[in-house]
Amino acid sequence: MLECKDKFLAPGKHDKYLKSIAHNYAIAKKAFATRNTIMAMNEDEMFNALNSVNSFHDFFRFHQGGIEGARRDFSATNSPDSVKKNTLPSAIQ
């Protein structure tokens, strides 16, 4: 058991993962910072910003064609205005 713990906690073992978390957080924080930043996004920017959120990104597995299939399906079933409205916290709508 300790052998597994040592491997898991090895220096540098999770650097790539931690960098991806920091990168995605920065994207989401910038995109969803204010009402104005949300309302200014076009459809591609909105999809890319939402893609930086794990729960959104994980839904790709339910779509044929990976990210492009998910983008196509998302665009077909969600208008940019409805996505923006539902993305805004109720306090700033």
N, C-alpha and C. Protein backbone atom coordinates (compact mmCIF):
# COMPACT_ATOMS: atom_id res chain seq x y z
N MET A 1 0.82 -1.19 0.00
CA MET A 1 0.00 0.00 0.00
C MET A 1 0.86 1.26 0.00
N LEU A 2 1.90 1.29 0.79
CA LEU A 2 2.77 2.47 0.83
C LEU A 2 3.46 2.68 -0.51
N GLU A 3 3.72 1.60 -1.23
CA GLU A 3 4.34 1.72 -2.54
C GLU A 3 3.43 2.51 -3.48
N CYS A 4 2.14 2.25 -3.45
CA CYS A 4 1.18 2.98 -4.27
C CYS A 4 1.12 4.44 -3.85
N LYS A 5 1.14 4.69 -2.57
CA LYS A 5 1.09 6.06 -2.06
C LYS A 5 2.31 6.83 -2.55
N ASP A 6 3.48 6.22 -2.46
CA ASP A 6 4.70 6.89 -2.91
C ASP A 6 4.65 7.21 -4.40
N LYS A 7 4.14 6.29 -5.19
CA LYS A 7 4.02 6.54 -6.63
C LYS A 7 3.02 7.66 -6.90
N PHE A 8 1.92 7.66 -6.17
CA PHE A 8 0.89 8.67 -6.36
C PHE A 8 1.40 10.06 -5.98
N LEU A 9 2.18 10.13 -4.91
CA LEU A 9 2.67 11.41 -4.41
C LEU A 9 4.03 11.80 -4.97
N ALA A 10 4.54 11.05 -5.93
CA ALA A 10 5.86 11.34 -6.50
C ALA A 10 5.88 12.76 -7.06
N PRO A 11 6.98 13.49 -6.80
CA PRO A 11 7.09 14.86 -7.33
C PRO A 11 6.92 14.86 -8.85
N GLY A 12 6.13 15.80 -9.34
CA GLY A 12 5.93 15.94 -10.77
C GLY A 12 4.88 15.01 -11.36
N LYS A 13 4.40 14.06 -10.58
CA LYS A 13 3.47 13.05 -11.09
C LYS A 13 2.19 13.67 -11.66
N HIS A 14 1.71 14.72 -11.03
CA HIS A 14 0.43 15.30 -11.41
C HIS A 14 0.56 16.72 -11.97
N ASP A 15 1.78 17.10 -12.34
CA ASP A 15 1.99 18.47 -12.83
C ASP A 15 1.14 18.80 -14.05
N LYS A 16 1.06 17.89 -15.00
CA LYS A 16 0.28 18.14 -16.22
C LYS A 16 -1.20 18.35 -15.87
N TYR A 17 -1.71 17.51 -14.99
CA TYR A 17 -3.11 17.62 -14.57
C TYR A 17 -3.36 18.94 -13.84
N LEU A 18 -2.47 19.30 -12.92
CA LEU A 18 -2.64 20.53 -12.15
C LEU A 18 -2.54 21.76 -13.05
N LYS A 19 -1.66 21.71 -14.05
CA LYS A 19 -1.55 22.83 -14.99
C LYS A 19 -2.83 22.95 -15.81
N SER A 20 -3.42 21.82 -16.18
CA SER A 20 -4.67 21.88 -16.96
C SER A 20 -5.80 22.47 -16.11
N ILE A 21 -5.82 22.15 -14.83
CA ILE A 21 -6.85 22.72 -13.95
C ILE A 21 -6.67 24.23 -13.86
N ALA A 22 -5.44 24.68 -13.66
CA ALA A 22 -5.17 26.12 -13.56
C ALA A 22 -5.52 26.82 -14.88
N HIS A 23 -5.19 26.20 -15.99
CA HIS A 23 -5.49 26.77 -17.31
C HIS A 23 -7.00 26.90 -17.51
N ASN A 24 -7.73 25.84 -17.21
CA ASN A 24 -9.19 25.86 -17.38
C ASN A 24 -9.86 26.84 -16.44
N TYR A 25 -9.35 26.94 -15.22
CA TYR A 25 -9.91 27.89 -14.26
C TYR A 25 -9.75 29.32 -14.77
N ALA A 26 -8.58 29.62 -15.32
CA ALA A 26 -8.33 30.97 -15.85
C ALA A 26 -9.28 31.29 -16.99
N ILE A 27 -9.54 30.33 -17.86
CA ILE A 27 -10.47 30.53 -18.97
C ILE A 27 -11.87 30.82 -18.44
N ALA A 28 -12.35 29.99 -17.53
CA ALA A 28 -13.70 30.16 -16.98
C ALA A 28 -13.83 31.46 -16.19
N LYS A 29 -12.82 31.77 -15.41
CA LYS A 29 -12.86 32.99 -14.59
C LYS A 29 -12.95 34.23 -15.47
N LYS A 30 -12.18 34.25 -16.55
CA LYS A 30 -12.19 35.40 -17.45
C LYS A 30 -13.53 35.48 -18.21
N ALA A 31 -13.98 34.35 -18.74
CA ALA A 31 -15.20 34.33 -19.56
C ALA A 31 -16.45 34.69 -18.76
N PHE A 32 -16.53 34.22 -17.54
CA PHE A 32 -17.74 34.39 -16.73
C PHE A 32 -17.57 35.43 -15.62
N ALA A 33 -16.63 36.35 -15.82
CA ALA A 33 -16.30 37.33 -14.79
C ALA A 33 -17.44 38.31 -14.50
N THR A 34 -18.06 38.77 -15.55
CA THR A 34 -19.12 39.78 -15.38
C THR A 34 -20.25 39.52 -16.37
N ARG A 35 -21.32 40.22 -16.16
CA ARG A 35 -22.45 40.13 -17.09
C ARG A 35 -21.99 40.54 -18.49
N ASN A 36 -21.16 41.59 -18.56
CA ASN A 36 -20.70 42.08 -19.86
C ASN A 36 -19.84 41.06 -20.60
N THR A 37 -18.96 40.36 -19.88
CA THR A 37 -18.13 39.37 -20.56
C THR A 37 -18.98 38.21 -21.06
N ILE A 38 -19.98 37.84 -20.31
CA ILE A 38 -20.87 36.76 -20.74
C ILE A 38 -21.67 37.20 -21.97
N MET A 39 -22.25 38.37 -21.91
CA MET A 39 -23.10 38.84 -23.00
C MET A 39 -22.30 39.13 -24.27
N ALA A 40 -21.02 39.43 -24.15
CA ALA A 40 -20.19 39.76 -25.31
C ALA A 40 -19.70 38.52 -26.07
N MET A 41 -19.80 37.34 -25.47
CA MET A 41 -19.28 36.14 -26.12
C MET A 41 -20.14 35.74 -27.32
N ASN A 42 -19.44 35.29 -28.38
CA ASN A 42 -20.18 34.70 -29.49
C ASN A 42 -20.35 33.21 -29.20
N GLU A 43 -20.99 32.49 -30.09
CA GLU A 43 -21.31 31.09 -29.85
C GLU A 43 -20.06 30.22 -29.64
N ASP A 44 -19.03 30.43 -30.44
CA ASP A 44 -17.80 29.65 -30.29
C ASP A 44 -17.09 29.96 -28.98
N GLU A 45 -17.03 31.24 -28.63
CA GLU A 45 -16.40 31.63 -27.36
C GLU A 45 -17.15 31.03 -26.17
N MET A 46 -18.48 31.03 -26.25
CA MET A 46 -19.28 30.46 -25.17
C MET A 46 -19.01 28.96 -25.04
N PHE A 47 -19.00 28.26 -26.17
CA PHE A 47 -18.74 26.82 -26.14
C PHE A 47 -17.35 26.55 -25.56
N ASN A 48 -16.36 27.30 -26.00
CA ASN A 48 -14.99 27.09 -25.50
C ASN A 48 -14.87 27.40 -24.01
N ALA A 49 -15.57 28.42 -23.57
CA ALA A 49 -15.55 28.75 -22.14
C ALA A 49 -16.23 27.65 -21.32
N LEU A 50 -17.38 27.19 -21.80
CA LEU A 50 -18.06 26.10 -21.10
C LEU A 50 -17.23 24.82 -21.12
N ASN A 51 -16.49 24.61 -22.19
CA ASN A 51 -15.65 23.43 -22.31
C ASN A 51 -14.55 23.40 -21.25
N SER A 52 -14.22 24.54 -20.67
CA SER A 52 -13.20 24.58 -19.63
C SER A 52 -13.73 24.08 -18.28
N VAL A 53 -15.03 23.83 -18.21
CA VAL A 53 -15.67 23.34 -16.98
C VAL A 53 -15.81 21.82 -17.09
N ASN A 54 -15.28 21.09 -16.12
CA ASN A 54 -15.26 19.62 -16.19
C ASN A 54 -16.61 19.00 -16.47
N SER A 55 -17.65 19.44 -15.79
CA SER A 55 -18.96 18.81 -15.97
C SER A 55 -19.48 18.99 -17.39
N PHE A 56 -19.15 20.09 -18.02
CA PHE A 56 -19.55 20.32 -19.41
C PHE A 56 -18.69 19.46 -20.33
N HIS A 57 -17.40 19.48 -20.10
CA HIS A 57 -16.46 18.72 -20.93
C HIS A 57 -16.77 17.22 -20.89
N ASP A 58 -17.19 16.72 -19.77
CA ASP A 58 -17.45 15.28 -19.62
C ASP A 58 -18.64 14.80 -20.45
N PHE A 59 -19.49 15.71 -20.91
CA PHE A 59 -20.63 15.25 -21.68
C PHE A 59 -20.26 14.86 -23.11
N PHE A 60 -19.02 15.10 -23.53
CA PHE A 60 -18.57 14.72 -24.88
C PHE A 60 -18.73 13.23 -25.12
N ARG A 61 -18.58 12.45 -24.11
CA ARG A 61 -18.64 11.00 -24.29
C ARG A 61 -20.02 10.53 -24.75
N PHE A 62 -21.02 11.37 -24.62
CA PHE A 62 -22.37 11.01 -25.04
C PHE A 62 -22.67 11.44 -26.48
N HIS A 63 -21.69 11.98 -27.17
CA HIS A 63 -21.89 12.49 -28.52
C HIS A 63 -20.92 11.85 -29.50
N GLN A 64 -21.44 11.48 -30.67
CA GLN A 64 -20.56 10.96 -31.70
C GLN A 64 -19.74 12.12 -32.26
N GLY A 65 -18.48 11.84 -32.53
CA GLY A 65 -17.64 12.87 -33.13
C GLY A 65 -16.86 13.70 -32.14
N GLY A 66 -16.81 13.28 -30.87
CA GLY A 66 -16.01 14.00 -29.88
C GLY A 66 -16.42 15.44 -29.73
N ILE A 67 -15.44 16.32 -29.63
CA ILE A 67 -15.71 17.73 -29.36
C ILE A 67 -16.51 18.38 -30.49
N GLU A 68 -16.23 18.02 -31.73
CA GLU A 68 -16.97 18.63 -32.84
C GLU A 68 -18.42 18.14 -32.88
N GLY A 69 -18.64 16.88 -32.55
CA GLY A 69 -20.01 16.37 -32.46
C GLY A 69 -20.76 17.04 -31.34
N ALA A 70 -20.09 17.22 -30.21
CA ALA A 70 -20.72 17.90 -29.06
C ALA A 70 -21.02 19.35 -29.40
N ARG A 71 -20.09 20.01 -30.09
CA ARG A 71 -20.30 21.41 -30.49
C ARG A 71 -21.53 21.51 -31.41
N ARG A 72 -21.61 20.61 -32.36
CA ARG A 72 -22.74 20.60 -33.32
C ARG A 72 -24.06 20.36 -32.57
N ASP A 73 -24.09 19.35 -31.71
CA ASP A 73 -25.30 19.02 -30.96
C ASP A 73 -25.69 20.15 -30.01
N PHE A 74 -24.70 20.72 -29.35
CA PHE A 74 -24.96 21.81 -28.41
C PHE A 74 -25.55 23.01 -29.14
N SER A 75 -24.97 23.35 -30.29
CA SER A 75 -25.46 24.50 -31.06
C SER A 75 -26.86 24.25 -31.60
N ALA A 76 -27.15 23.01 -31.96
CA ALA A 76 -28.46 22.68 -32.52
C ALA A 76 -29.57 22.74 -31.47
N THR A 77 -29.23 22.55 -30.21
CA THR A 77 -30.26 22.48 -29.17
C THR A 77 -30.25 23.66 -28.20
N ASN A 78 -29.29 24.57 -28.36
CA ASN A 78 -29.18 25.70 -27.44
C ASN A 78 -28.88 26.98 -28.21
N SER A 79 -29.74 27.97 -28.07
CA SER A 79 -29.47 29.26 -28.71
C SER A 79 -28.45 30.02 -27.86
N PRO A 80 -27.61 30.83 -28.50
CA PRO A 80 -26.63 31.61 -27.72
C PRO A 80 -27.29 32.46 -26.63
N ASP A 81 -28.45 33.06 -26.94
CA ASP A 81 -29.13 33.89 -25.94
C ASP A 81 -29.60 33.09 -24.73
N SER A 82 -30.13 31.88 -24.98
CA SER A 82 -30.59 31.07 -23.84
C SER A 82 -29.40 30.59 -23.00
N VAL A 83 -28.29 30.27 -23.64
CA VAL A 83 -27.10 29.85 -22.89
C VAL A 83 -26.61 31.00 -22.03
N LYS A 84 -26.54 32.19 -22.60
CA LYS A 84 -26.09 33.36 -21.84
C LYS A 84 -27.02 33.63 -20.66
N LYS A 85 -28.32 33.58 -20.91
CA LYS A 85 -29.29 33.83 -19.84
C LYS A 85 -29.13 32.82 -18.71
N ASN A 86 -28.94 31.55 -19.06
CA ASN A 86 -28.81 30.50 -18.05
C ASN A 86 -27.44 30.47 -17.41
N THR A 87 -26.47 31.13 -18.02
CA THR A 87 -25.13 31.17 -17.45
C THR A 87 -25.02 32.29 -16.42
N LEU A 88 -25.81 33.34 -16.61
CA LEU A 88 -25.76 34.46 -15.67
C LEU A 88 -26.30 34.06 -14.31
N PRO A 89 -25.55 34.37 -13.26
CA PRO A 89 -26.12 34.14 -11.92
C PRO A 89 -27.37 35.00 -11.76
N SER A 90 -28.34 34.51 -11.05
CA SER A 90 -29.61 35.24 -10.91
C SER A 90 -29.40 36.64 -10.31
N ALA A 91 -28.35 36.80 -9.55
CA ALA A 91 -28.10 38.09 -8.92
C ALA A 91 -27.72 39.18 -9.93
N ILE A 92 -27.21 38.78 -11.12
CA ILE A 92 -26.80 39.81 -12.08
C ILE A 92 -27.63 39.77 -13.36
N GLN A 93 -28.73 39.06 -13.37
CA GLN A 93 -29.57 39.03 -14.58
C GLN A 93 -30.32 40.26 -14.67
